[in-house]
ModelCIF file with pLDDT and N, C-alpha, C, O atoms, coordinates in Angstrom:
data_MODEL
#
_entry.id   MODEL 
#
_entity.id                         1 
_entity.type                       polymer 
_entity.pdbx_number_of_molecules   1 
#
_entity_poly.entity_id                      1 
_entity_poly.type                           'polypeptide(L)' 
_entity_poly.nstd_linkage                   no 
_entity_poly.nstd_monomer                   no 
_entity_poly.pdbx_seq_one_letter_code       
;(UNK)(UNK)(UNK)(UNK)(UNK)(UNK)(UNK)(UNK)(UNK)(UNK)(UNK)(UNK)(UNK)(UNK)(UNK)(UNK)
(UNK)(UNK)(UNK)(UNK)(UNK)(UNK)(UNK)(UNK)(UNK)(UNK)(UNK)(UNK)(UNK)(UNK)(UNK)(UNK)
(UNK)(UNK)
;
_entity_poly.pdbx_seq_one_letter_code_can   XXXXXXXXXXXXXXXXXXXXXXXXXXXXXXXXXX 
_entity_poly.pdbx_strand_id                 A 
#
loop_
_entity_poly_seq.entity_id 
_entity_poly_seq.num 
_entity_poly_seq.mon_id 
_entity_poly_seq.hetero 
1 1  UNK n 
1 2  UNK n 
1 3  UNK n 
1 4  UNK n 
1 5  UNK n 
1 6  UNK n 
1 7  UNK n 
1 8  UNK n 
1 9  UNK n 
1 10 UNK n 
1 11 UNK n 
1 12 UNK n 
1 13 UNK n 
1 14 UNK n 
1 15 UNK n 
1 16 UNK n 
1 17 UNK n 
1 18 UNK n 
1 19 UNK n 
1 20 UNK n 
1 21 UNK n 
1 22 UNK n 
1 23 UNK n 
1 24 UNK n 
1 25 UNK n 
1 26 UNK n 
1 27 UNK n 
1 28 UNK n 
1 29 UNK n 
1 30 UNK n 
1 31 UNK n 
1 32 UNK n 
1 33 UNK n 
1 34 UNK n 
#
_struct_asym.id          A 
_struct_asym.entity_id   1 
#
loop_
_ma_qa_metric.id 
_ma_qa_metric.mode 
_ma_qa_metric.name 
_ma_qa_metric.software_group_id 
_ma_qa_metric.type 
1 global pLDDT . pLDDT 
2 local  pLDDT . pLDDT 
#
_ma_qa_metric_global.metric_id      1 
_ma_qa_metric_global.metric_value   72.68 
_ma_qa_metric_global.model_id       1 
_ma_qa_metric_global.ordinal_id     1 
#
loop_
_ma_qa_metric_local.label_asym_id 
_ma_qa_metric_local.label_comp_id 
_ma_qa_metric_local.label_seq_id 
_ma_qa_metric_local.metric_id 
_ma_qa_metric_local.metric_value 
_ma_qa_metric_local.model_id 
_ma_qa_metric_local.ordinal_id 
A UNK 1  2 72.00 1 1  
A UNK 2  2 71.00 1 2  
A UNK 3  2 69.00 1 3  
A UNK 4  2 65.00 1 4  
A UNK 5  2 64.00 1 5  
A UNK 6  2 62.00 1 6  
A UNK 7  2 69.00 1 7  
A UNK 8  2 67.00 1 8  
A UNK 9  2 67.00 1 9  
A UNK 10 2 70.00 1 10 
A UNK 11 2 69.00 1 11 
A UNK 12 2 70.00 1 12 
A UNK 13 2 69.00 1 13 
A UNK 14 2 69.00 1 14 
A UNK 15 2 67.00 1 15 
A UNK 16 2 68.00 1 16 
A UNK 17 2 66.00 1 17 
A UNK 18 2 65.00 1 18 
A UNK 19 2 65.00 1 19 
A UNK 20 2 66.00 1 20 
A UNK 21 2 70.00 1 21 
A UNK 22 2 70.00 1 22 
A UNK 23 2 70.00 1 23 
A UNK 24 2 73.00 1 24 
A UNK 25 2 78.00 1 25 
A UNK 26 2 76.00 1 26 
A UNK 27 2 76.00 1 27 
A UNK 28 2 83.00 1 28 
A UNK 29 2 86.00 1 29 
A UNK 30 2 84.00 1 30 
A UNK 31 2 86.00 1 31 
A UNK 32 2 89.00 1 32 
A UNK 33 2 90.00 1 33 
A UNK 34 2 90.00 1 34 
#
loop_
_atom_site.group_PDB 
_atom_site.id 
_atom_site.type_symbol 
_atom_site.label_atom_id 
_atom_site.label_alt_id 
_atom_site.label_comp_id 
_atom_site.label_asym_id 
_atom_site.label_entity_id 
_atom_site.label_seq_id 
_atom_site.pdbx_PDB_ins_code 
_atom_site.Cartn_x 
_atom_site.Cartn_y 
_atom_site.Cartn_z 
_atom_site.occupancy 
_atom_site.B_iso_or_equiv 
_atom_site.pdbx_formal_charge 
_atom_site.auth_seq_id 
_atom_site.auth_comp_id 
_atom_site.auth_asym_id 
_atom_site.auth_atom_id 
_atom_site.pdbx_PDB_model_num 
ATOM 1   N N  . UNK A 1 1  ? -17.379 -77.056 87.593 1.00 72.00 ? 1  UNK A N  1 
ATOM 2   C CA . UNK A 1 1  ? -16.002 -76.738 87.231 1.00 72.00 ? 1  UNK A CA 1 
ATOM 3   C C  . UNK A 1 1  ? -15.128 -76.649 88.443 1.00 72.00 ? 1  UNK A C  1 
ATOM 4   O O  . UNK A 1 1  ? -15.593 -76.327 89.536 1.00 72.00 ? 1  UNK A O  1 
ATOM 5   N N  . UNK A 1 2  ? -13.863 -76.933 88.256 1.00 71.00 ? 2  UNK A N  1 
ATOM 6   C CA . UNK A 1 2  ? -12.829 -76.777 89.388 1.00 71.00 ? 2  UNK A CA 1 
ATOM 7   C C  . UNK A 1 2  ? -12.812 -75.375 89.782 1.00 71.00 ? 2  UNK A C  1 
ATOM 8   O O  . UNK A 1 2  ? -13.270 -74.509 89.036 1.00 71.00 ? 2  UNK A O  1 
ATOM 9   N N  . UNK A 1 3  ? -12.259 -75.088 91.022 1.00 69.00 ? 3  UNK A N  1 
ATOM 10  C CA . UNK A 1 3  ? -12.236 -73.719 91.500 1.00 69.00 ? 3  UNK A CA 1 
ATOM 11  C C  . UNK A 1 3  ? -11.399 -72.840 90.705 1.00 69.00 ? 3  UNK A C  1 
ATOM 12  O O  . UNK A 1 3  ? -11.710 -71.653 90.612 1.00 69.00 ? 3  UNK A O  1 
ATOM 13  N N  . UNK A 1 4  ? -10.247 -73.350 90.052 1.00 65.00 ? 4  UNK A N  1 
ATOM 14  C CA . UNK A 1 4  ? -9.490  -72.425 89.302 1.00 65.00 ? 4  UNK A CA 1 
ATOM 15  C C  . UNK A 1 4  ? -10.039 -72.147 87.860 1.00 65.00 ? 4  UNK A C  1 
ATOM 16  O O  . UNK A 1 4  ? -9.416  -71.425 87.082 1.00 65.00 ? 4  UNK A O  1 
ATOM 17  N N  . UNK A 1 5  ? -11.229 -72.745 87.529 1.00 64.00 ? 5  UNK A N  1 
ATOM 18  C CA . UNK A 1 5  ? -11.803 -72.499 86.213 1.00 64.00 ? 5  UNK A CA 1 
ATOM 19  C C  . UNK A 1 5  ? -13.288 -71.958 86.419 1.00 64.00 ? 5  UNK A C  1 
ATOM 20  O O  . UNK A 1 5  ? -14.081 -71.996 85.479 1.00 64.00 ? 5  UNK A O  1 
ATOM 21  N N  . UNK A 1 6  ? -13.638 -71.471 87.625 1.00 62.00 ? 6  UNK A N  1 
ATOM 22  C CA . UNK A 1 6  ? -14.907 -70.951 87.851 1.00 62.00 ? 6  UNK A CA 1 
ATOM 23  C C  . UNK A 1 6  ? -15.315 -69.796 86.904 1.00 62.00 ? 6  UNK A C  1 
ATOM 24  O O  . UNK A 1 6  ? -16.472 -69.639 86.513 1.00 62.00 ? 6  UNK A O  1 
ATOM 25  N N  . UNK A 1 7  ? -14.288 -69.012 86.571 1.00 69.00 ? 7  UNK A N  1 
ATOM 26  C CA . UNK A 1 7  ? -14.689 -67.810 85.780 1.00 69.00 ? 7  UNK A CA 1 
ATOM 27  C C  . UNK A 1 7  ? -14.544 -68.081 84.270 1.00 69.00 ? 7  UNK A C  1 
ATOM 28  O O  . UNK A 1 7  ? -14.555 -67.136 83.481 1.00 69.00 ? 7  UNK A O  1 
ATOM 29  N N  . UNK A 1 8  ? -14.414 -69.313 83.867 1.00 67.00 ? 8  UNK A N  1 
ATOM 30  C CA . UNK A 1 8  ? -14.216 -69.551 82.400 1.00 67.00 ? 8  UNK A CA 1 
ATOM 31  C C  . UNK A 1 8  ? -15.467 -69.155 81.557 1.00 67.00 ? 8  UNK A C  1 
ATOM 32  O O  . UNK A 1 8  ? -15.329 -68.680 80.430 1.00 67.00 ? 8  UNK A O  1 
ATOM 33  N N  . UNK A 1 9  ? -16.609 -69.346 82.084 1.00 67.00 ? 9  UNK A N  1 
ATOM 34  C CA . UNK A 1 9  ? -17.766 -69.038 81.341 1.00 67.00 ? 9  UNK A CA 1 
ATOM 35  C C  . UNK A 1 9  ? -17.907 -67.443 81.096 1.00 67.00 ? 9  UNK A C  1 
ATOM 36  O O  . UNK A 1 9  ? -18.272 -66.971 80.020 1.00 67.00 ? 9  UNK A O  1 
ATOM 37  N N  . UNK A 1 10 ? -17.581 -66.704 82.194 1.00 70.00 ? 10 UNK A N  1 
ATOM 38  C CA . UNK A 1 10 ? -17.561 -65.173 82.111 1.00 70.00 ? 10 UNK A CA 1 
ATOM 39  C C  . UNK A 1 10 ? -16.487 -64.819 81.151 1.00 70.00 ? 10 UNK A C  1 
ATOM 40  O O  . UNK A 1 10 ? -16.758 -63.940 80.332 1.00 70.00 ? 10 UNK A O  1 
ATOM 41  N N  . UNK A 1 11 ? -15.294 -65.371 81.122 1.00 69.00 ? 11 UNK A N  1 
ATOM 42  C CA . UNK A 1 11 ? -14.281 -65.062 80.128 1.00 69.00 ? 11 UNK A CA 1 
ATOM 43  C C  . UNK A 1 11 ? -14.638 -65.396 78.800 1.00 69.00 ? 11 UNK A C  1 
ATOM 44  O O  . UNK A 1 11 ? -14.337 -64.594 77.916 1.00 69.00 ? 11 UNK A O  1 
ATOM 45  N N  . UNK A 1 12 ? -15.286 -66.547 78.480 1.00 70.00 ? 12 UNK A N  1 
ATOM 46  C CA . UNK A 1 12 ? -15.809 -66.937 77.175 1.00 70.00 ? 12 UNK A CA 1 
ATOM 47  C C  . UNK A 1 12 ? -16.765 -65.817 76.723 1.00 70.00 ? 12 UNK A C  1 
ATOM 48  O O  . UNK A 1 12 ? -16.664 -65.317 75.602 1.00 70.00 ? 12 UNK A O  1 
ATOM 49  N N  . UNK A 1 13 ? -17.723 -65.423 77.646 1.00 69.00 ? 13 UNK A N  1 
ATOM 50  C CA . UNK A 1 13 ? -18.664 -64.358 77.242 1.00 69.00 ? 13 UNK A CA 1 
ATOM 51  C C  . UNK A 1 13 ? -18.036 -63.142 76.848 1.00 69.00 ? 13 UNK A C  1 
ATOM 52  O O  . UNK A 1 13 ? -18.450 -62.497 75.885 1.00 69.00 ? 13 UNK A O  1 
ATOM 53  N N  . UNK A 1 14 ? -16.973 -62.760 77.600 1.00 69.00 ? 14 UNK A N  1 
ATOM 54  C CA . UNK A 1 14 ? -16.270 -61.513 77.312 1.00 69.00 ? 14 UNK A CA 1 
ATOM 55  C C  . UNK A 1 14 ? -15.498 -61.599 76.056 1.00 69.00 ? 14 UNK A C  1 
ATOM 56  O O  . UNK A 1 14 ? -15.381 -60.603 75.341 1.00 69.00 ? 14 UNK A O  1 
ATOM 57  N N  . UNK A 1 15 ? -14.935 -62.797 75.731 1.00 67.00 ? 15 UNK A N  1 
ATOM 58  C CA . UNK A 1 15 ? -14.201 -62.937 74.466 1.00 67.00 ? 15 UNK A CA 1 
ATOM 59  C C  . UNK A 1 15 ? -15.163 -62.776 73.281 1.00 67.00 ? 15 UNK A C  1 
ATOM 60  O O  . UNK A 1 15 ? -14.894 -62.103 72.286 1.00 67.00 ? 15 UNK A O  1 
ATOM 61  N N  . UNK A 1 16 ? -16.284 -63.437 73.466 1.00 68.00 ? 16 UNK A N  1 
ATOM 62  C CA . UNK A 1 16 ? -17.253 -63.308 72.332 1.00 68.00 ? 16 UNK A CA 1 
ATOM 63  C C  . UNK A 1 16 ? -17.826 -61.899 72.168 1.00 68.00 ? 16 UNK A C  1 
ATOM 64  O O  . UNK A 1 16 ? -17.948 -61.415 71.043 1.00 68.00 ? 16 UNK A O  1 
ATOM 65  N N  . UNK A 1 17 ? -18.174 -61.244 73.255 1.00 66.00 ? 17 UNK A N  1 
ATOM 66  C CA . UNK A 1 17 ? -18.784 -59.937 73.216 1.00 66.00 ? 17 UNK A CA 1 
ATOM 67  C C  . UNK A 1 17 ? -17.790 -58.839 72.779 1.00 66.00 ? 17 UNK A C  1 
ATOM 68  O O  . UNK A 1 17 ? -18.118 -57.935 72.010 1.00 66.00 ? 17 UNK A O  1 
ATOM 69  N N  . UNK A 1 18 ? -16.560 -58.966 73.310 1.00 65.00 ? 18 UNK A N  1 
ATOM 70  C CA . UNK A 1 18 ? -15.500 -57.943 73.125 1.00 65.00 ? 18 UNK A CA 1 
ATOM 71  C C  . UNK A 1 18 ? -14.725 -58.159 71.881 1.00 65.00 ? 18 UNK A C  1 
ATOM 72  O O  . UNK A 1 18 ? -14.216 -57.184 71.327 1.00 65.00 ? 18 UNK A O  1 
ATOM 73  N N  . UNK A 1 19 ? -14.587 -59.380 71.384 1.00 65.00 ? 19 UNK A N  1 
ATOM 74  C CA . UNK A 1 19 ? -13.662 -59.602 70.348 1.00 65.00 ? 19 UNK A CA 1 
ATOM 75  C C  . UNK A 1 19 ? -14.414 -60.229 69.122 1.00 65.00 ? 19 UNK A C  1 
ATOM 76  O O  . UNK A 1 19 ? -14.454 -59.625 68.050 1.00 65.00 ? 19 UNK A O  1 
ATOM 77  N N  . UNK A 1 20 ? -14.980 -61.389 69.290 1.00 66.00 ? 20 UNK A N  1 
ATOM 78  C CA . UNK A 1 20 ? -15.509 -62.108 68.141 1.00 66.00 ? 20 UNK A CA 1 
ATOM 79  C C  . UNK A 1 20 ? -16.801 -61.362 67.527 1.00 66.00 ? 20 UNK A C  1 
ATOM 80  O O  . UNK A 1 20 ? -16.880 -61.116 66.323 1.00 66.00 ? 20 UNK A O  1 
ATOM 81  N N  . UNK A 1 21 ? -17.750 -61.041 68.400 1.00 70.00 ? 21 UNK A N  1 
ATOM 82  C CA . UNK A 1 21 ? -18.950 -60.459 67.963 1.00 70.00 ? 21 UNK A CA 1 
ATOM 83  C C  . UNK A 1 21 ? -18.580 -59.056 67.403 1.00 70.00 ? 21 UNK A C  1 
ATOM 84  O O  . UNK A 1 21 ? -19.144 -58.612 66.403 1.00 70.00 ? 21 UNK A O  1 
ATOM 85  N N  . UNK A 1 22 ? -17.635 -58.383 68.062 1.00 70.00 ? 22 UNK A N  1 
ATOM 86  C CA . UNK A 1 22 ? -17.239 -57.098 67.494 1.00 70.00 ? 22 UNK A CA 1 
ATOM 87  C C  . UNK A 1 22 ? -16.712 -57.131 66.224 1.00 70.00 ? 22 UNK A C  1 
ATOM 88  O O  . UNK A 1 22 ? -17.061 -56.328 65.359 1.00 70.00 ? 22 UNK A O  1 
ATOM 89  N N  . UNK A 1 23 ? -15.764 -58.140 66.015 1.00 70.00 ? 23 UNK A N  1 
ATOM 90  C CA . UNK A 1 23 ? -15.161 -58.282 64.721 1.00 70.00 ? 23 UNK A CA 1 
ATOM 91  C C  . UNK A 1 23 ? -16.216 -58.710 63.617 1.00 70.00 ? 23 UNK A C  1 
ATOM 92  O O  . UNK A 1 23 ? -16.157 -58.165 62.514 1.00 70.00 ? 23 UNK A O  1 
ATOM 93  N N  . UNK A 1 24 ? -17.119 -59.613 63.865 1.00 73.00 ? 24 UNK A N  1 
ATOM 94  C CA . UNK A 1 24 ? -18.111 -59.930 62.939 1.00 73.00 ? 24 UNK A CA 1 
ATOM 95  C C  . UNK A 1 24 ? -18.974 -58.756 62.660 1.00 73.00 ? 24 UNK A C  1 
ATOM 96  O O  . UNK A 1 24 ? -19.350 -58.505 61.515 1.00 73.00 ? 24 UNK A O  1 
ATOM 97  N N  . UNK A 1 25 ? -19.300 -58.020 63.707 1.00 78.00 ? 25 UNK A N  1 
ATOM 98  C CA . UNK A 1 25 ? -20.125 -56.802 63.357 1.00 78.00 ? 25 UNK A CA 1 
ATOM 99  C C  . UNK A 1 25 ? -19.323 -55.832 62.483 1.00 78.00 ? 25 UNK A C  1 
ATOM 100 O O  . UNK A 1 25 ? -19.876 -55.204 61.579 1.00 78.00 ? 25 UNK A O  1 
ATOM 101 N N  . UNK A 1 26 ? -18.106 -55.722 62.738 1.00 76.00 ? 26 UNK A N  1 
ATOM 102 C CA . UNK A 1 26 ? -17.266 -54.712 61.982 1.00 76.00 ? 26 UNK A CA 1 
ATOM 103 C C  . UNK A 1 26 ? -17.140 -55.183 60.507 1.00 76.00 ? 26 UNK A C  1 
ATOM 104 O O  . UNK A 1 26 ? -17.201 -54.347 59.605 1.00 76.00 ? 26 UNK A O  1 
ATOM 105 N N  . UNK A 1 27 ? -16.963 -56.524 60.236 1.00 76.00 ? 27 UNK A N  1 
ATOM 106 C CA . UNK A 1 27 ? -16.858 -56.955 58.838 1.00 76.00 ? 27 UNK A CA 1 
ATOM 107 C C  . UNK A 1 27 ? -18.236 -56.945 58.260 1.00 76.00 ? 27 UNK A C  1 
ATOM 108 O O  . UNK A 1 27 ? -18.354 -56.806 57.043 1.00 76.00 ? 27 UNK A O  1 
ATOM 109 N N  . UNK A 1 28 ? -19.290 -57.079 59.025 1.00 83.00 ? 28 UNK A N  1 
ATOM 110 C CA . UNK A 1 28 ? -20.632 -57.042 58.503 1.00 83.00 ? 28 UNK A CA 1 
ATOM 111 C C  . UNK A 1 28 ? -20.928 -55.583 57.961 1.00 83.00 ? 28 UNK A C  1 
ATOM 112 O O  . UNK A 1 28 ? -21.611 -55.400 56.953 1.00 83.00 ? 28 UNK A O  1 
ATOM 113 N N  . UNK A 1 29 ? -20.378 -54.586 58.685 1.00 86.00 ? 29 UNK A N  1 
ATOM 114 C CA . UNK A 1 29 ? -20.511 -53.155 58.286 1.00 86.00 ? 29 UNK A CA 1 
ATOM 115 C C  . UNK A 1 29 ? -19.716 -52.937 56.892 1.00 86.00 ? 29 UNK A C  1 
ATOM 116 O O  . UNK A 1 29 ? -20.194 -52.348 55.922 1.00 86.00 ? 29 UNK A O  1 
ATOM 117 N N  . UNK A 1 30 ? -18.490 -53.478 56.949 1.00 84.00 ? 30 UNK A N  1 
ATOM 118 C CA . UNK A 1 30 ? -17.721 -53.264 55.749 1.00 84.00 ? 30 UNK A CA 1 
ATOM 119 C C  . UNK A 1 30 ? -18.360 -53.984 54.601 1.00 84.00 ? 30 UNK A C  1 
ATOM 120 O O  . UNK A 1 30 ? -18.384 -53.430 53.502 1.00 84.00 ? 30 UNK A O  1 
ATOM 121 N N  . UNK A 1 31 ? -18.891 -55.205 54.769 1.00 86.00 ? 31 UNK A N  1 
ATOM 122 C CA . UNK A 1 31 ? -19.558 -55.877 53.731 1.00 86.00 ? 31 UNK A CA 1 
ATOM 123 C C  . UNK A 1 31 ? -20.712 -55.044 53.166 1.00 86.00 ? 31 UNK A C  1 
ATOM 124 O O  . UNK A 1 31 ? -20.883 -54.886 51.957 1.00 86.00 ? 31 UNK A O  1 
ATOM 125 N N  . UNK A 1 32 ? -21.442 -54.555 54.062 1.00 89.00 ? 32 UNK A N  1 
ATOM 126 C CA . UNK A 1 32 ? -22.615 -53.714 53.653 1.00 89.00 ? 32 UNK A CA 1 
ATOM 127 C C  . UNK A 1 32 ? -22.208 -52.431 52.868 1.00 89.00 ? 32 UNK A C  1 
ATOM 128 O O  . UNK A 1 32 ? -22.823 -52.065 51.866 1.00 89.00 ? 32 UNK A O  1 
ATOM 129 N N  . UNK A 1 33 ? -21.133 -51.770 53.385 1.00 90.00 ? 33 UNK A N  1 
ATOM 130 C CA . UNK A 1 33 ? -20.668 -50.627 52.645 1.00 90.00 ? 33 UNK A CA 1 
ATOM 131 C C  . UNK A 1 33 ? -20.207 -50.980 51.212 1.00 90.00 ? 33 UNK A C  1 
ATOM 132 O O  . UNK A 1 33 ? -20.524 -50.282 50.249 1.00 90.00 ? 33 UNK A O  1 
ATOM 133 N N  . UNK A 1 34 ? -19.425 -52.122 51.106 1.00 90.00 ? 34 UNK A N  1 
ATOM 134 C CA . UNK A 1 34 ? -19.028 -52.592 49.804 1.00 90.00 ? 34 UNK A CA 1 
ATOM 135 C C  . UNK A 1 34 ? -20.203 -52.923 48.934 1.00 90.00 ? 34 UNK A C  1 
ATOM 136 O O  . UNK A 1 34 ? -20.026 -53.339 47.789 1.00 90.00 ? 34 UNK A O  1 
#
């Protein structure tokens, strides 16, 4: 990767762990409660 995109993988990992996976987990809990 170019120098200005070296951290793109870490950012993608953070997006998935802090946003998408958290949201999927949250809606999974809501689905289970329902």
